[in-house]
Protein backbone atom coordinates (compact mmCIF):
# COMPACT_ATOMS: atom_id res chain seq x y z
CA UNK A 1 80.31 34.63 18.84
CA UNK A 2 81.55 38.13 19.55
CA UNK A 3 85.36 38.02 19.48
CA UNK A 4 87.50 39.02 22.43
CA UNK A 5 88.84 42.51 22.15
CA UNK A 6 92.51 43.26 22.61
CA UNK A 7 94.21 45.05 25.49
CA UNK A 8 96.50 48.01 24.82
CA UNK A 9 99.51 47.07 22.73
CA UNK A 10 103.15 47.19 23.78
CA UNK A 11 102.27 47.49 27.48
CA UNK A 12 102.78 45.51 30.65
CA UNK A 13 100.13 44.84 33.29
CA UNK A 14 101.47 46.34 36.51
CA UNK A 15 102.30 45.02 39.89
CA UNK A 16 102.92 48.36 41.47
CA UNK A 17 100.28 50.73 40.08
CA UNK A 18 97.70 49.50 42.61
CA UNK A 19 95.98 47.64 39.80
CA UNK A 20 94.05 44.47 40.59
CA UNK A 21 96.47 42.29 38.67
CA UNK A 22 100.15 42.20 38.00
CA UNK A 23 103.23 40.73 36.52
CA UNK A 24 101.98 39.56 33.13
CA UNK A 25 102.86 40.79 29.63
CA UNK A 26 99.61 41.62 27.90
CA UNK A 27 98.88 40.10 24.51
CA UNK A 28 99.38 42.54 21.72
CA UNK A 29 96.90 43.94 19.20
CA UNK A 30 97.11 46.40 16.31
CA UNK A 31 95.37 49.42 17.78
CA UNK A 32 93.74 50.93 20.84
CA UNK A 33 92.35 54.50 21.19
CA UNK A 34 94.86 56.97 22.63
CA UNK A 35 92.43 58.09 25.35
CA UNK A 36 92.09 54.53 26.55
CA UNK A 37 95.84 54.02 26.54
CA UNK A 38 96.23 57.15 28.65
CA UNK A 39 93.88 55.79 31.31
CA UNK A 40 95.60 52.42 31.37
CA UNK A 41 99.00 54.07 31.62
CA UNK A 42 97.96 56.28 34.52
CA UNK A 43 96.06 53.69 36.57
CA UNK A 44 96.53 50.14 35.37
CA UNK A 45 99.52 49.76 33.07
CA UNK A 46 103.26 49.93 33.56
CA UNK A 47 104.75 51.05 30.25
CA UNK A 48 107.99 49.50 29.02
CA UNK A 49 110.93 51.78 29.52
CA UNK A 50 112.50 52.64 26.19
CA UNK A 51 114.86 55.61 26.64
CA UNK A 52 118.47 54.55 27.00
CA UNK A 53 119.92 56.44 29.94
CA UNK A 54 123.52 57.52 29.81
CA UNK A 55 125.35 57.41 33.10
CA UNK A 56 127.48 60.43 33.94
CA UNK A 57 131.18 59.75 33.52
CA UNK A 58 131.77 60.00 37.26
CA UNK A 59 129.26 57.22 37.92
CA UNK A 60 130.83 55.01 35.31
CA UNK A 61 134.28 55.55 36.78
CA UNK A 62 132.94 54.88 40.27
CA UNK A 63 131.34 51.68 39.02
CA UNK A 64 134.55 50.49 37.36
CA UNK A 65 136.59 51.34 40.46
CA UNK A 66 134.10 49.51 42.67
CA UNK A 67 134.23 46.47 40.40
CA UNK A 68 138.04 46.37 40.57
CA UNK A 69 137.99 46.79 44.33
CA UNK A 70 135.39 44.07 44.84
CA UNK A 71 137.29 41.73 42.55
CA UNK A 72 140.23 41.92 44.90
CA UNK A 73 138.44 41.60 48.23
CA UNK A 74 134.86 40.30 48.10
CA UNK A 75 133.77 38.66 44.88
CA UNK A 76 134.87 35.23 46.06
CA UNK A 77 132.07 35.26 48.63
CA UNK A 78 129.36 35.82 46.03
CA UNK A 79 126.93 32.94 45.56
CA UNK A 80 125.09 31.86 42.43
CA UNK A 81 121.34 31.49 43.09
CA UNK A 82 118.22 31.13 40.93
CA UNK A 83 115.43 33.69 41.42
CA UNK A 84 111.66 33.45 40.82
CA UNK A 85 112.11 34.15 37.12
CA UNK A 86 114.54 31.26 36.74
CA UNK A 87 117.47 33.66 36.29
CA UNK A 88 120.86 32.71 37.67
CA UNK A 89 122.00 35.62 39.82
CA UNK A 90 125.40 36.18 41.44
CA UNK A 91 124.34 37.44 44.87
CA UNK A 92 126.87 39.18 47.13
CA UNK A 93 127.93 37.11 50.10
CA UNK A 94 126.57 39.75 52.47
CA UNK A 95 123.60 41.86 51.46
CA UNK A 96 123.24 45.01 53.56
CA UNK A 97 121.70 47.58 51.20
CA UNK A 98 118.65 46.84 49.02
CA UNK A 99 116.59 48.82 46.53
CA UNK A 100 113.09 47.40 45.98
CA UNK A 101 111.26 48.06 42.71
CA UNK A 102 107.94 46.45 43.67
CA UNK A 103 105.52 46.59 46.63
CA UNK A 104 105.53 42.79 46.82
CA UNK A 105 109.30 42.81 47.35
CA UNK A 106 109.10 45.63 49.89
CA UNK A 107 106.38 43.91 51.91
CA UNK A 108 108.17 40.56 51.81
CA UNK A 109 111.44 42.09 52.97
CA UNK A 110 109.78 43.85 55.89
CA UNK A 111 107.89 40.69 56.84
CA UNK A 112 111.14 38.74 57.15
CA UNK A 113 112.83 41.45 59.19
CA UNK A 114 114.92 42.92 56.40
CA UNK A 115 113.16 46.29 56.25
CA UNK A 116 116.15 48.14 57.65
CA UNK A 117 118.23 46.98 54.69
CA UNK A 118 115.99 48.82 52.22
CA UNK A 119 117.53 52.13 51.11
CA UNK A 120 115.17 52.81 48.20
CA UNK A 121 111.79 51.68 46.86
CA UNK A 122 109.42 52.26 43.96
CA UNK A 123 106.91 55.08 44.38
CA UNK A 124 104.02 52.74 45.20
CA UNK A 125 105.57 50.85 48.11
CA UNK A 126 103.58 52.18 51.08
CA UNK A 127 103.18 49.14 53.34
CA UNK A 128 104.07 48.78 56.11
CA UNK A 129 103.96 52.43 57.18
CA UNK A 130 107.75 52.59 57.48
CA UNK A 131 108.04 52.00 53.73
CA UNK A 132 106.54 55.40 53.02
CA UNK A 133 109.58 57.12 54.54
CA UNK A 134 112.17 55.37 52.38
CA UNK A 135 113.74 57.18 49.42
CA UNK A 136 111.64 56.73 46.26
CA UNK A 137 113.34 55.92 42.96
CA UNK A 138 110.36 56.22 40.60
CA UNK A 139 107.77 53.84 39.26
CA UNK A 140 106.93 53.89 35.57
CA UNK A 141 110.54 54.76 34.75
CA UNK A 142 112.79 54.19 37.76
CA UNK A 143 115.70 56.58 38.07
CA UNK A 144 118.71 54.38 37.28
CA UNK A 145 121.24 56.99 38.31
CA UNK A 146 119.52 57.42 41.67
CA UNK A 147 119.46 53.66 42.18
CA UNK A 148 123.21 53.47 41.49
CA UNK A 149 123.87 56.42 43.80
CA UNK A 150 122.13 54.59 46.67
CA UNK A 151 124.91 52.01 46.40
CA UNK A 152 122.77 48.88 46.86
CA UNK A 153 124.22 45.39 47.13
CA UNK A 154 121.04 44.04 45.54
CA UNK A 155 118.08 45.43 43.59
CA UNK A 156 114.87 43.42 43.95
CA UNK A 157 112.25 43.60 41.21
CA UNK A 158 109.26 41.60 39.98
CA UNK A 159 108.07 39.99 36.75
CA UNK A 160 106.92 43.43 35.67
CA UNK A 161 110.41 44.93 35.90
CA UNK A 162 111.30 45.76 32.32
CA UNK A 163 114.26 43.92 30.77
CA UNK A 164 115.80 47.25 29.84
CA UNK A 165 115.79 48.34 33.48
CA UNK A 166 117.43 45.10 34.60
CA UNK A 167 120.10 45.46 31.91
CA UNK A 168 120.96 49.01 32.92
CA UNK A 169 121.24 48.15 36.61
CA UNK A 170 123.37 45.10 35.89
CA UNK A 171 125.56 47.23 33.63
CA UNK A 172 126.42 49.19 36.79
CA UNK A 173 127.63 45.93 38.37
CA UNK A 174 124.62 45.63 40.69
CA UNK A 175 122.85 42.29 41.03
CA UNK A 176 119.12 42.19 40.26
CA UNK A 177 116.83 39.64 41.91
CA UNK A 178 113.29 38.96 40.66
CA UNK A 179 110.73 37.84 43.25
CA UNK A 180 107.20 37.07 42.09
CA UNK A 181 104.63 34.35 41.40
CA UNK A 182 101.79 33.73 38.97
CA UNK A 183 100.08 31.49 41.53
CA UNK A 184 98.87 32.26 45.04
CA UNK A 185 100.65 29.37 46.75
CA UNK A 186 103.80 30.22 44.80
CA UNK A 187 104.14 33.45 46.78
CA UNK A 188 105.51 31.36 49.67
CA UNK A 189 108.25 29.94 47.44
CA UNK A 190 109.12 33.43 46.20
CA UNK A 191 109.50 34.61 49.81
CA UNK A 192 111.73 31.66 50.65
CA UNK A 193 114.01 32.34 47.69
CA UNK A 194 114.23 36.04 48.50
CA UNK A 195 115.02 35.25 52.12
CA UNK A 196 117.90 33.03 51.07
CA UNK A 197 119.25 35.74 48.77
CA UNK A 198 119.30 38.42 51.48
CA UNK A 199 120.52 36.23 54.34
CA UNK A 200 117.15 35.95 56.10
CA UNK A 201 116.44 32.32 55.27
CA UNK A 202 115.08 31.27 58.68
CA UNK A 203 112.80 34.28 59.05
CA UNK A 204 111.59 33.93 55.47
CA UNK A 205 110.73 30.28 56.06
CA UNK A 206 108.62 31.28 59.04
CA UNK A 207 106.75 33.87 56.97
CA UNK A 208 106.25 31.45 54.06
CA UNK A 209 105.06 28.61 56.26
CA UNK A 210 102.61 30.86 58.08
CA UNK A 211 101.30 32.20 54.78
CA UNK A 212 100.72 28.73 53.35
CA UNK A 213 98.97 27.67 56.55
CA UNK A 214 96.56 30.61 56.27
CA UNK A 215 95.90 29.90 52.59
CA UNK A 216 95.21 26.21 53.17
CA UNK A 217 92.87 26.93 56.07
CA UNK A 218 90.76 29.16 53.80
CA UNK A 219 90.82 26.64 50.96
CA UNK A 220 89.70 23.92 53.40
CA UNK A 221 86.70 26.00 54.47
CA UNK A 222 85.75 26.82 50.88
CA UNK A 223 85.91 23.14 49.94
CA UNK A 224 82.72 22.57 51.95
CA UNK A 225 80.71 25.00 49.77
CA UNK A 226 77.70 23.49 48.03
CA UNK A 227 78.22 25.52 44.86
CA UNK A 228 80.82 27.69 43.14
CA UNK A 229 79.42 30.99 41.84
CA UNK A 230 80.26 32.20 38.34
CA UNK A 231 82.53 35.23 38.77
CA UNK A 232 83.21 38.27 36.60
CA UNK A 233 86.28 40.24 37.72
CA UNK A 234 86.09 43.76 36.32
CA UNK A 235 89.44 45.47 35.89
CA UNK A 236 88.52 48.54 33.87
CA UNK A 237 85.14 49.59 32.49
CA UNK A 238 86.03 52.97 31.04
CA UNK A 239 83.80 51.75 28.23
CA UNK A 240 81.08 49.71 30.02
CA UNK A 241 80.27 47.96 26.76
CA UNK A 242 83.83 46.65 26.49
CA UNK A 243 85.25 46.04 29.99
CA UNK A 244 88.65 44.53 30.69
CA UNK A 245 88.67 41.39 32.79
CA UNK A 246 90.78 38.45 33.92
CA UNK A 247 91.50 35.43 31.75
CA UNK A 248 93.51 32.28 32.55
CA UNK A 249 97.14 31.84 33.55
CA UNK A 250 97.52 34.69 36.02
CA UNK A 251 97.53 35.44 39.71
CA UNK A 252 93.96 36.79 39.99
CA UNK A 253 92.47 33.83 38.14
CA UNK A 254 94.13 31.54 40.67
CA UNK A 255 92.85 33.69 43.53
CA UNK A 256 89.26 33.40 42.28
CA UNK A 257 89.60 29.64 41.96
CA UNK A 258 91.02 29.17 45.47
CA UNK A 259 88.31 31.44 46.91
CA UNK A 260 85.67 29.08 45.57
CA UNK A 261 84.58 30.83 42.40
CA UNK A 262 84.63 30.01 38.69
CA UNK A 263 86.08 32.71 36.45
CA UNK A 264 83.60 33.13 33.57
CA UNK A 265 86.44 34.04 31.21
CA UNK A 266 88.74 31.16 32.14
CA UNK A 267 88.73 30.17 28.46
CA UNK A 268 89.85 33.56 27.16
CA UNK A 269 92.76 33.49 24.69
CA UNK A 270 94.78 35.94 26.78
CA UNK A 271 95.46 36.73 30.44
CA UNK A 272 93.72 40.10 30.57
CA UNK A 273 91.19 40.34 27.71
CA UNK A 274 88.84 43.13 26.81
CA UNK A 275 85.40 41.59 26.33
CA UNK A 276 82.00 42.75 25.19
CA UNK A 277 78.90 43.34 27.31
CA UNK A 278 77.17 40.66 25.23
CA UNK A 279 79.78 38.13 26.32
CA UNK A 280 79.36 39.06 29.98
CA UNK A 281 75.58 38.79 29.63
CA UNK A 282 75.80 35.41 27.86
CA UNK A 283 77.98 33.99 30.65
CA UNK A 284 75.70 35.54 33.27
CA UNK A 285 77.97 35.89 36.32
CA UNK A 286 76.48 35.28 39.74
CA UNK A 287 79.06 37.51 41.43
CA UNK A 288 80.94 40.56 40.18
CA UNK A 289 84.19 41.86 41.68
CA UNK A 290 84.68 45.57 41.06
CA UNK A 291 88.46 45.77 41.15
CA UNK A 292 88.13 49.22 39.56
CA UNK A 293 86.22 50.56 42.56
CA UNK A 294 89.31 52.34 43.97
CA UNK A 295 89.35 54.29 40.69
CA UNK A 296 85.79 55.57 41.09
CA UNK A 297 83.49 52.81 39.81
CA UNK A 298 80.57 52.24 42.19
CA UNK A 299 77.94 49.54 42.62
CA UNK A 300 75.25 52.12 41.79
CA UNK A 301 76.95 52.97 38.48
CA UNK A 302 77.05 49.29 37.51
CA UNK A 303 73.36 48.88 38.32
CA UNK A 304 72.56 51.83 36.03
CA UNK A 305 74.42 50.38 33.04
CA UNK A 306 72.12 49.58 30.16
CA UNK A 307 71.25 45.88 30.09
CA UNK A 308 73.25 44.94 33.17
CA UNK A 309 70.09 44.54 35.25
CA UNK A 310 69.55 41.23 33.44
CA UNK A 311 72.74 39.76 34.91
CA UNK A 312 72.19 37.55 37.96
CA UNK A 313 74.90 39.24 40.02
CA UNK A 314 73.30 42.66 39.52
CA UNK A 315 69.73 41.42 39.98
CA UNK A 316 70.70 39.70 43.24
CA UNK A 317 72.97 42.52 44.44
CA UNK A 318 76.12 40.41 44.55
CA UNK A 319 78.71 43.03 43.66
CA UNK A 320 81.97 43.34 45.61
CA UNK A 321 83.24 46.92 45.66
CA UNK A 322 86.80 46.45 46.89
CA UNK A 323 88.56 49.08 48.97
CA UNK A 324 92.10 50.20 48.16
CA UNK A 325 93.39 48.10 51.07
CA UNK A 326 91.64 44.95 49.88
CA UNK A 327 92.71 45.69 46.32
CA UNK A 328 96.34 45.77 47.46
CA UNK A 329 95.90 42.57 49.46
CA UNK A 330 94.40 40.81 46.44
CA UNK A 331 96.79 42.12 43.82
CA UNK A 332 100.21 42.21 45.49
CA UNK A 333 101.86 38.76 45.60
CA UNK A 334 103.31 39.22 49.05
CA UNK A 335 102.71 38.26 52.70
CA UNK A 336 99.21 39.84 52.77
CA UNK A 337 97.81 37.70 49.97
CA UNK A 338 96.07 35.37 52.45
CA UNK A 339 94.09 38.37 53.70
CA UNK A 340 93.03 39.13 50.12
CA UNK A 341 92.04 35.51 49.60
CA UNK A 342 89.95 35.53 52.76
CA UNK A 343 88.19 38.78 51.76
CA UNK A 344 87.27 37.28 48.39
CA UNK A 345 86.21 33.94 49.88
CA UNK A 346 83.99 35.69 52.44
CA UNK A 347 82.30 37.61 49.64
CA UNK A 348 81.71 34.53 47.51
CA UNK A 349 80.73 32.26 50.42
CA UNK A 350 79.51 34.41 53.34
CA UNK A 351 77.60 31.46 54.77
CA UNK A 352 80.89 29.65 55.49
CA UNK A 353 82.51 32.49 57.43
CA UNK A 354 79.84 33.43 59.95
């Protein structure tokens, strides 16, 4: 059997590069061509931040002064809470200023009515429309000094937020909260926890409950399907003979399952493997999701690939070319995930959603 190929080494799969998956550390392998790494870095991969930034002396002094001041007048009101990553975080008693480092956090905060608290976001937070007008602090390497200068009470990140970034922000005496989920239903829990941390518990509960209701209604419809199509989820086919796809233990795999499909690479040894064309052909998917469509891959290009005409999904014209909007809905673990689930379920089971 042709072995699974390895994804780029020493990289993280992104949440906020508009990629169709997120929040997982990719398995590591000895080597990957530089040209391929460049493409992943620019469109699909969030590289770990290595440079150690040195704060200007004035910022350090301001941080120390703020710490002393807070110790005398506000630290007693801080509460110890556990975030989505299982980290114990000392959250200020009153959160009024927030910097978001992930679209999922930005969308969740707006959904629970905390959008006005956000004073900075990552470069890719663009929903809702109001998010586009908020100060941007970077993406691949967030500007730590700018984050500190925005004077947030809380910085909200995701599983993808590099440990080095968290350490630097915490070194400036700013609490960091991680909100994320590797499962679709778990998004509701992440929203609830975030709501509690920012003082929007009631509103967050309403958002979470509504989200779960939408998800369960879709799952209930899909449960009546007579068959579950075999699904190939294409992430990146820069080399069509060795495309990247989705394995087990991640958000997109769960999405496919809930939408009524069977991921053909559910038995892969890693979350986001690079596979061979021969493996795709042998597993003969009945439906193909082109998550790389927003990056230029078209249905026509797939149909012209050598040998792909023998695959059932291609022969029967069952290829889902996702738009950027649907890609965001499917890949961002936030309040819009039910819309992404519905879009996928309607593609896999159109007969159930007439």
